[in-house]
């Protein structure tokens, strides 16, 4: 059926988060005394810590806004770097600023978003930090394409919590759930959250990852252009 509203995830769905993260990480770790160029060796450690914290946020065990600094406290401990709260805060500030400055949409994503915007309402629904998300959208010049931007750090809840979907639906004037489609790359946040909320879901899976046992969704796509067939 044609959908009138798309809830769209940001990172790894329309935005190339990985390139943004590496550039921001390199600059931020210089404040911990790590030489530029050596940070790639520590990125995997950071990602492991960061991913565990975001998984905890999905389970409601930590607020997404807290992750901003906690991940760098943990990283400093892993690297055996003596860093007080002020230093860690400065590192976190530099990293967040870098995330806003670097990275781009996936190739072809802008054209698809422009076409979708004249056919349906679109809302960004992101597990992330508001200052990063808004900085990216402003720099890329695409914020006007979206009816609203819903970010977990601003709502106080992360996908798959129904509270973040409540916030999106409130901004939309509570449309019929049958007219709304959640689009994202994460089975645990985007897809599980949308399914539990009672809306159809579309798993963006360009790498053709295997689904886990028990994962269900309404659609699976490997190219964002396939969304044009849904509206």
C-alpha atoms as a PDB file:
ATOM      1  CA  UNK A   1       0.000   0.000   0.000  1.00  0.00           C
ATOM      2  CA  UNK A   2       1.184   3.576  -0.511  1.00  0.00           C
ATOM      3  CA  UNK A   3       2.411   5.285   2.660  1.00  0.00           C
ATOM      4  CA  UNK A   4       1.896   8.968   3.369  1.00  0.00           C
ATOM      5  CA  UNK A   5       4.575   9.273   6.057  1.00  0.00           C
ATOM      6  CA  UNK A   6       8.100   7.877   6.331  1.00  0.00           C
ATOM      7  CA  UNK A   7      10.029   7.748   9.593  1.00  0.00           C
ATOM      8  CA  UNK A   8      13.654   7.577   8.506  1.00  0.00           C
ATOM      9  CA  UNK A   9      16.737   6.665  10.504  1.00  0.00           C
ATOM     10  CA  UNK A  10      19.836   8.795   9.894  1.00  0.00           C
ATOM     11  CA  UNK A  11      23.152   7.024  10.578  1.00  0.00           C
ATOM     12  CA  UNK A  12      23.932   4.065   8.312  1.00  0.00           C
ATOM     13  CA  UNK A  13      20.606   4.539   6.530  1.00  0.00           C
ATOM     14  CA  UNK A  14      20.952   7.805   4.610  1.00  0.00           C
ATOM     15  CA  UNK A  15      24.167   9.143   6.197  1.00  0.00           C
ATOM     16  CA  UNK A  16      27.666   7.637   5.944  1.00  0.00           C
ATOM     17  CA  UNK A  17      28.444   7.611   9.639  1.00  0.00           C
ATOM     18  CA  UNK A  18      31.692   5.627   9.403  1.00  0.00           C
ATOM     19  CA  UNK A  19      33.671   8.259   7.480  1.00  0.00           C
ATOM     20  CA  UNK A  20      32.397  10.982   9.799  1.00  0.00           C
ATOM     21  CA  UNK A  21      33.346   9.006  12.897  1.00  0.00           C
ATOM     22  CA  UNK A  22      36.960   8.324  11.904  1.00  0.00           C
ATOM     23  CA  UNK A  23      37.710  11.978  11.090  1.00  0.00           C
ATOM     24  CA  UNK A  24      36.119  13.194  14.329  1.00  0.00           C
ATOM     25  CA  UNK A  25      37.823  10.503  16.418  1.00  0.00           C
ATOM     26  CA  UNK A  26      41.282  11.365  15.121  1.00  0.00           C
ATOM     27  CA  UNK A  27      40.932  15.032  16.099  1.00  0.00           C
ATOM     28  CA  UNK A  28      39.371  14.304  19.487  1.00  0.00           C
ATOM     29  CA  UNK A  29      42.001  11.833  20.660  1.00  0.00           C
ATOM     30  CA  UNK A  30      44.728  14.387  20.093  1.00  0.00           C
ATOM     31  CA  UNK A  31      43.404  15.998  23.285  1.00  0.00           C
ATOM     32  CA  UNK A  32      44.269  12.795  25.142  1.00  0.00           C
ATOM     33  CA  UNK A  33      47.810  12.974  23.826  1.00  0.00           C
ATOM     34  CA  UNK A  34      47.326  10.286  21.182  1.00  0.00           C
ATOM     35  CA  UNK A  35      49.293  11.083  18.047  1.00  0.00           C
ATOM     36  CA  UNK A  36      47.305  11.657  14.878  1.00  0.00           C
ATOM     37  CA  UNK A  37      47.514   8.628  12.649  1.00  0.00           C
ATOM     38  CA  UNK A  38      47.706   6.254  15.610  1.00  0.00           C
ATOM     39  CA  UNK A  39      44.037   6.642  16.446  1.00  0.00           C
ATOM     40  CA  UNK A  40      42.911   4.053  13.888  1.00  0.00           C
ATOM     41  CA  UNK A  41      44.426   1.424  16.180  1.00  0.00           C
ATOM     42  CA  UNK A  42      42.098   2.537  18.975  1.00  0.00           C
ATOM     43  CA  UNK A  43      38.935   3.040  16.961  1.00  0.00           C
ATOM     44  CA  UNK A  44      37.847  -0.582  17.317  1.00  0.00           C
ATOM     45  CA  UNK A  45      38.133  -0.294  21.101  1.00  0.00           C
ATOM     46  CA  UNK A  46      36.072   2.879  21.095  1.00  0.00           C
ATOM     47  CA  UNK A  47      33.440   1.347  18.830  1.00  0.00           C
ATOM     48  CA  UNK A  48      33.096  -1.682  21.101  1.00  0.00           C
ATOM     49  CA  UNK A  49      32.532   0.558  24.118  1.00  0.00           C
ATOM     50  CA  UNK A  50      30.233   2.924  22.241  1.00  0.00           C
ATOM     51  CA  UNK A  51      28.132   0.137  20.728  1.00  0.00           C
ATOM     52  CA  UNK A  52      27.675  -1.454  24.150  1.00  0.00           C
ATOM     53  CA  UNK A  53      26.476   1.852  25.577  1.00  0.00           C
ATOM     54  CA  UNK A  54      23.994   2.433  22.752  1.00  0.00           C
ATOM     55  CA  UNK A  55      22.725  -1.114  23.198  1.00  0.00           C
ATOM     56  CA  UNK A  56      22.193  -0.275  26.868  1.00  0.00           C
ATOM     57  CA  UNK A  57      20.318   2.864  25.797  1.00  0.00           C
ATOM     58  CA  UNK A  58      18.044   0.744  23.601  1.00  0.00           C
ATOM     59  CA  UNK A  59      17.291  -1.350  26.693  1.00  0.00           C
ATOM     60  CA  UNK A  60      16.558   1.796  28.707  1.00  0.00           C
ATOM     61  CA  UNK A  61      19.541   1.305  31.024  1.00  0.00           C
ATOM     62  CA  UNK A  62      21.249   4.607  30.229  1.00  0.00           C
ATOM     63  CA  UNK A  63      20.105   7.888  28.697  1.00  0.00           C
ATOM     64  CA  UNK A  64      21.579   8.611  25.289  1.00  0.00           C
ATOM     65  CA  UNK A  65      22.706  12.056  26.469  1.00  0.00           C
ATOM     66  CA  UNK A  66      24.936  10.371  29.081  1.00  0.00           C
ATOM     67  CA  UNK A  67      26.799   8.380  26.449  1.00  0.00           C
ATOM     68  CA  UNK A  68      28.435  11.573  25.188  1.00  0.00           C
ATOM     69  CA  UNK A  69      31.063  11.575  27.973  1.00  0.00           C
ATOM     70  CA  UNK A  70      30.844   8.093  29.475  1.00  0.00           C
ATOM     71  CA  UNK A  71      32.307   6.446  26.367  1.00  0.00           C
ATOM     72  CA  UNK A  72      35.454   8.590  26.598  1.00  0.00           C
ATOM     73  CA  UNK A  73      35.874   7.949  30.312  1.00  0.00           C
ATOM     74  CA  UNK A  74      35.802   4.253  29.468  1.00  0.00           C
ATOM     75  CA  UNK A  75      38.182   4.698  26.538  1.00  0.00           C
ATOM     76  CA  UNK A  76      40.692   6.617  28.647  1.00  0.00           C
ATOM     77  CA  UNK A  77      40.643   3.748  31.144  1.00  0.00           C
ATOM     78  CA  UNK A  78      41.197   1.225  28.343  1.00  0.00           C
ATOM     79  CA  UNK A  79      44.125   3.233  26.967  1.00  0.00           C
ATOM     80  CA  UNK A  80      45.503   3.738  30.479  1.00  0.00           C
ATOM     81  CA  UNK A  81      45.433   7.497  29.978  1.00  0.00           C
ATOM     82  CA  UNK A  82      45.021   9.699  33.042  1.00  0.00           C
ATOM     83  CA  UNK A  83      42.147  11.999  32.136  1.00  0.00           C
ATOM     84  CA  UNK A  84      40.048  14.026  34.570  1.00  0.00           C
ATOM     85  CA  UNK A  85      36.415  15.014  33.988  1.00  0.00           C
ATOM     86  CA  UNK A  86      37.401  18.309  32.381  1.00  0.00           C
ATOM     87  CA  UNK A  87      39.700  16.618  29.874  1.00  0.00           C
ATOM     88  CA  UNK A  88      37.124  13.972  29.028  1.00  0.00           C
ATOM     89  CA  UNK A  89      34.501  16.677  28.519  1.00  0.00           C
ATOM     90  CA  UNK A  90      36.837  18.503  26.138  1.00  0.00           C
ATOM     91  CA  UNK A  91      37.454  15.292  24.187  1.00  0.00           C
ATOM     92  CA  UNK A  92      33.713  14.628  23.994  1.00  0.00           C
ATOM     93  CA  UNK A  93      33.080  18.202  22.827  1.00  0.00           C
ATOM     94  CA  UNK A  94      35.712  17.889  20.108  1.00  0.00           C
ATOM     95  CA  UNK A  95      34.342  14.547  18.959  1.00  0.00           C
ATOM     96  CA  UNK A  96      30.743  15.760  18.808  1.00  0.00           C
ATOM     97  CA  UNK A  97      31.786  18.885  16.908  1.00  0.00           C
ATOM     98  CA  UNK A  98      33.751  16.717  14.481  1.00  0.00           C
ATOM     99  CA  UNK A  99      30.799  14.425  13.895  1.00  0.00           C
ATOM    100  CA  UNK A 100      28.782  17.458  12.847  1.00  0.00           C
ATOM    101  CA  UNK A 101      31.512  18.749  10.520  1.00  0.00           C
ATOM    102  CA  UNK A 102      32.413  15.549   8.692  1.00  0.00           C
ATOM    103  CA  UNK A 103      30.652  12.946   6.586  1.00  0.00           C
ATOM    104  CA  UNK A 104      28.082  12.991   3.829  1.00  0.00           C
ATOM    105  CA  UNK A 105      24.931  11.298   2.638  1.00  0.00           C
ATOM    106  CA  UNK A 106      25.296   7.973   0.903  1.00  0.00           C
ATOM    107  CA  UNK A 107      25.603   8.290  -2.884  1.00  0.00           C
ATOM    108  CA  UNK A 108      22.180   8.792  -4.427  1.00  0.00           C
ATOM    109  CA  UNK A 109      20.463   9.426  -1.084  1.00  0.00           C
ATOM    110  CA  UNK A 110      19.870  13.142  -1.693  1.00  0.00           C
ATOM    111  CA  UNK A 111      18.099  12.542  -4.997  1.00  0.00           C
ATOM    112  CA  UNK A 112      15.872   9.899  -3.407  1.00  0.00           C
ATOM    113  CA  UNK A 113      15.030  12.166  -0.452  1.00  0.00           C
ATOM    114  CA  UNK A 114      14.095  15.027  -2.765  1.00  0.00           C
ATOM    115  CA  UNK A 115      11.764  12.785  -4.742  1.00  0.00           C
ATOM    116  CA  UNK A 116      10.215  11.330  -1.594  1.00  0.00           C
ATOM    117  CA  UNK A 117       9.665  14.783  -0.078  1.00  0.00           C
ATOM    118  CA  UNK A 118       7.133  15.750  -2.750  1.00  0.00           C
ATOM    119  CA  UNK A 119       5.207  12.499  -2.353  1.00  0.00           C
ATOM    120  CA  UNK A 120       5.096  12.018   1.428  1.00  0.00           C
ATOM    121  CA  UNK A 121       5.933  13.591   4.768  1.00  0.00           C
ATOM    122  CA  UNK A 122       9.290  12.545   6.170  1.00  0.00           C
ATOM    123  CA  UNK A 123      10.570  12.587   9.739  1.00  0.00           C
ATOM    124  CA  UNK A 124      14.075  11.823  10.955  1.00  0.00           C
ATOM    125  CA  UNK A 125      13.971   9.495  13.970  1.00  0.00           C
ATOM    126  CA  UNK A 126      17.507   9.032  15.276  1.00  0.00           C
ATOM    127  CA  UNK A 127      19.188   7.430  18.251  1.00  0.00           C
ATOM    128  CA  UNK A 128      21.861  10.042  18.703  1.00  0.00           C
ATOM    129  CA  UNK A 129      22.826  13.411  20.088  1.00  0.00           C
ATOM    130  CA  UNK A 130      20.725  16.376  19.047  1.00  0.00           C
ATOM    131  CA  UNK A 131      23.691  18.697  18.572  1.00  0.00           C
ATOM    132  CA  UNK A 132      25.252  16.247  16.108  1.00  0.00           C
ATOM    133  CA  UNK A 133      22.093  15.458  14.175  1.00  0.00           C
ATOM    134  CA  UNK A 134      21.025  19.086  13.724  1.00  0.00           C
ATOM    135  CA  UNK A 135      24.554  20.179  12.783  1.00  0.00           C
ATOM    136  CA  UNK A 136      24.730  17.490  10.098  1.00  0.00           C
ATOM    137  CA  UNK A 137      21.351  18.263   8.609  1.00  0.00           C
ATOM    138  CA  UNK A 138      22.089  22.003   8.557  1.00  0.00           C
ATOM    139  CA  UNK A 139      25.501  21.512   6.948  1.00  0.00           C
ATOM    140  CA  UNK A 140      24.054  19.205   4.323  1.00  0.00           C
ATOM    141  CA  UNK A 141      21.191  21.632   3.672  1.00  0.00           C
ATOM    142  CA  UNK A 142      18.460  18.996   3.943  1.00  0.00           C
ATOM    143  CA  UNK A 143      16.632  19.845   7.171  1.00  0.00           C
ATOM    144  CA  UNK A 144      13.842  21.495   5.172  1.00  0.00           C
ATOM    145  CA  UNK A 145      12.986  18.147   3.583  1.00  0.00           C
ATOM    146  CA  UNK A 146      11.713  16.783   6.900  1.00  0.00           C
ATOM    147  CA  UNK A 147       8.519  17.614   8.752  1.00  0.00           C
ATOM    148  CA  UNK A 148      10.313  17.018  12.067  1.00  0.00           C
ATOM    149  CA  UNK A 149      13.595  15.785  13.505  1.00  0.00           C
ATOM    150  CA  UNK A 150      13.226  13.493  16.514  1.00  0.00           C
ATOM    151  CA  UNK A 151      16.428  12.677  18.397  1.00  0.00           C
ATOM    152  CA  UNK A 152      16.729  10.332  21.356  1.00  0.00           C
ATOM    153  CA  UNK A 153      18.855  12.686  23.468  1.00  0.00           C
ATOM    154  CA  UNK A 154      16.170  15.376  23.175  1.00  0.00           C
ATOM    155  CA  UNK A 155      13.214  13.065  23.758  1.00  0.00           C
ATOM    156  CA  UNK A 156      14.822  11.163  26.633  1.00  0.00           C
ATOM    157  CA  UNK A 157      14.170   7.774  25.045  1.00  0.00           C
ATOM    158  CA  UNK A 158      15.860   5.709  22.358  1.00  0.00           C
ATOM    159  CA  UNK A 159      14.464   3.414  19.710  1.00  0.00           C
ATOM    160  CA  UNK A 160      12.945   0.849  20.215  1.00  0.00           C
ATOM    161  CA  UNK A 161      11.140   2.630  23.066  1.00  0.00           C
ATOM    162  CA  UNK A 162       7.588   3.647  22.121  1.00  0.00           C
ATOM    163  CA  UNK A 163       8.247   7.077  23.653  1.00  0.00           C
ATOM    164  CA  UNK A 164      10.386   8.188  20.731  1.00  0.00           C
ATOM    165  CA  UNK A 165       7.673   7.066  18.299  1.00  0.00           C
ATOM    166  CA  UNK A 166       5.092   8.893  20.411  1.00  0.00           C
ATOM    167  CA  UNK A 167       7.145  12.067  19.934  1.00  0.00           C
ATOM    168  CA  UNK A 168       7.222  11.574  16.161  1.00  0.00           C
ATOM    169  CA  UNK A 169       3.498  10.896  15.930  1.00  0.00           C
ATOM    170  CA  UNK A 170       2.734  13.940  18.076  1.00  0.00           C
ATOM    171  CA  UNK A 171       4.711  16.135  15.679  1.00  0.00           C
ATOM    172  CA  UNK A 172       2.757  14.614  12.791  1.00  0.00           C
ATOM    173  CA  UNK A 173      -0.657  15.151  14.372  1.00  0.00           C
ATOM    174  CA  UNK A 174      -1.117  11.440  15.124  1.00  0.00           C
ATOM    175  CA  UNK A 175      -1.766  10.035  11.639  1.00  0.00           C
ATOM    176  CA  UNK A 176      -3.260   6.539  11.206  1.00  0.00           C
ATOM    177  CA  UNK A 177      -0.535   3.996  11.889  1.00  0.00           C
ATOM    178  CA  UNK A 178      -1.438   2.173   8.691  1.00  0.00           C
ATOM    179  CA  UNK A 179      -0.143   5.158   6.676  1.00  0.00           C
ATOM    180  CA  UNK A 180       3.303   5.275   8.322  1.00  0.00           C
ATOM    181  CA  UNK A 181       6.452   3.294   7.450  1.00  0.00           C
ATOM    182  CA  UNK A 182       9.623   3.092   9.573  1.00  0.00           C
ATOM    183  CA  UNK A 183      12.816   2.851   7.503  1.00  0.00           C
ATOM    184  CA  UNK A 184      16.180   1.943   9.023  1.00  0.00           C
ATOM    185  CA  UNK A 185      19.193  -0.329   9.057  1.00  0.00           C
ATOM    186  CA  UNK A 186      18.990  -1.578  12.648  1.00  0.00           C
ATOM    187  CA  UNK A 187      16.925  -4.649  13.409  1.00  0.00           C
ATOM    188  CA  UNK A 188      17.119  -4.004  17.160  1.00  0.00           C
ATOM    189  CA  UNK A 189      16.126  -0.348  17.185  1.00  0.00           C
ATOM    190  CA  UNK A 190      14.442   0.747  13.944  1.00  0.00           C
ATOM    191  CA  UNK A 191      12.696  -2.478  13.008  1.00  0.00           C
ATOM    192  CA  UNK A 192      11.943  -3.857  16.459  1.00  0.00           C
ATOM    193  CA  UNK A 193      10.747  -0.442  17.616  1.00  0.00           C
ATOM    194  CA  UNK A 194       8.501   0.175  14.640  1.00  0.00           C
ATOM    195  CA  UNK A 195       7.034  -3.314  14.754  1.00  0.00           C
ATOM    196  CA  UNK A 196       6.270  -3.048  18.488  1.00  0.00           C
ATOM    197  CA  UNK A 197       4.622   0.337  17.887  1.00  0.00           C
ATOM    198  CA  UNK A 198       2.274  -1.194  15.365  1.00  0.00           C
ATOM    199  CA  UNK A 199       3.599   0.361  12.167  1.00  0.00           C
ATOM    200  CA  UNK A 200       5.030  -1.255   9.063  1.00  0.00           C
ATOM    201  CA  UNK A 201       8.807  -1.468   8.814  1.00  0.00           C
ATOM    202  CA  UNK A 202      11.383  -1.451   6.039  1.00  0.00           C
ATOM    203  CA  UNK A 203      14.820  -2.907   6.725  1.00  0.00           C
ATOM    204  CA  UNK A 204      17.528  -1.142   4.730  1.00  0.00           C
ATOM    205  CA  UNK A 205      20.098  -3.875   4.138  1.00  0.00           C
ATOM    206  CA  UNK A 206      22.542  -2.859   1.392  1.00  0.00           C
ATOM    207  CA  UNK A 207      25.174  -5.343   2.608  1.00  0.00           C
ATOM    208  CA  UNK A 208      22.676  -8.202   2.464  1.00  0.00           C
ATOM    209  CA  UNK A 209      23.221  -9.208   6.062  1.00  0.00           C
ATOM    210  CA  UNK A 210      21.442 -12.324   7.247  1.00  0.00           C
ATOM    211  CA  UNK A 211      18.479 -11.712   9.480  1.00  0.00           C
ATOM    212  CA  UNK A 212      18.515 -13.182  12.957  1.00  0.00           C
ATOM    213  CA  UNK A 213      16.063 -15.888  13.937  1.00  0.00           C
ATOM    214  CA  UNK A 214      12.815 -14.243  14.965  1.00  0.00           C
ATOM    215  CA  UNK A 215      13.417 -10.945  13.147  1.00  0.00           C
ATOM    216  CA  UNK A 216      10.424  -9.888  11.098  1.00  0.00           C
ATOM    217  CA  UNK A 217       9.727  -6.803   9.004  1.00  0.00           C
ATOM    218  CA  UNK A 218       7.311  -5.727   6.318  1.00  0.00           C
ATOM    219  CA  UNK A 219       9.885  -5.036   3.600  1.00  0.00           C
ATOM    220  CA  UNK A 220      13.600  -5.440   2.965  1.00  0.00           C
ATOM    221  CA  UNK A 221      15.473  -3.199   0.517  1.00  0.00           C
ATOM    222  CA  UNK A 222      19.073  -2.982  -0.622  1.00  0.00           C
ATOM    223  CA  UNK A 223      18.780   0.376  -2.409  1.00  0.00           C
ATOM    224  CA  UNK A 224      17.141   3.531  -1.036  1.00  0.00           C
ATOM    225  CA  UNK A 225      15.561   4.166  -4.432  1.00  0.00           C
ATOM    226  CA  UNK A 226      13.259   1.225  -3.734  1.00  0.00           C
ATOM    227  CA  UNK A 227      11.417   3.480  -1.259  1.00  0.00           C
ATOM    228  CA  UNK A 228       9.977   5.395  -4.195  1.00  0.00           C
ATOM    229  CA  UNK A 229       7.726   2.410  -4.837  1.00  0.00           C
ATOM    230  CA  UNK A 230       6.138   2.723  -1.387  1.00  0.00           C
ATOM    231  CA  UNK A 231       4.753   6.278  -1.585  1.00  0.00           C
END
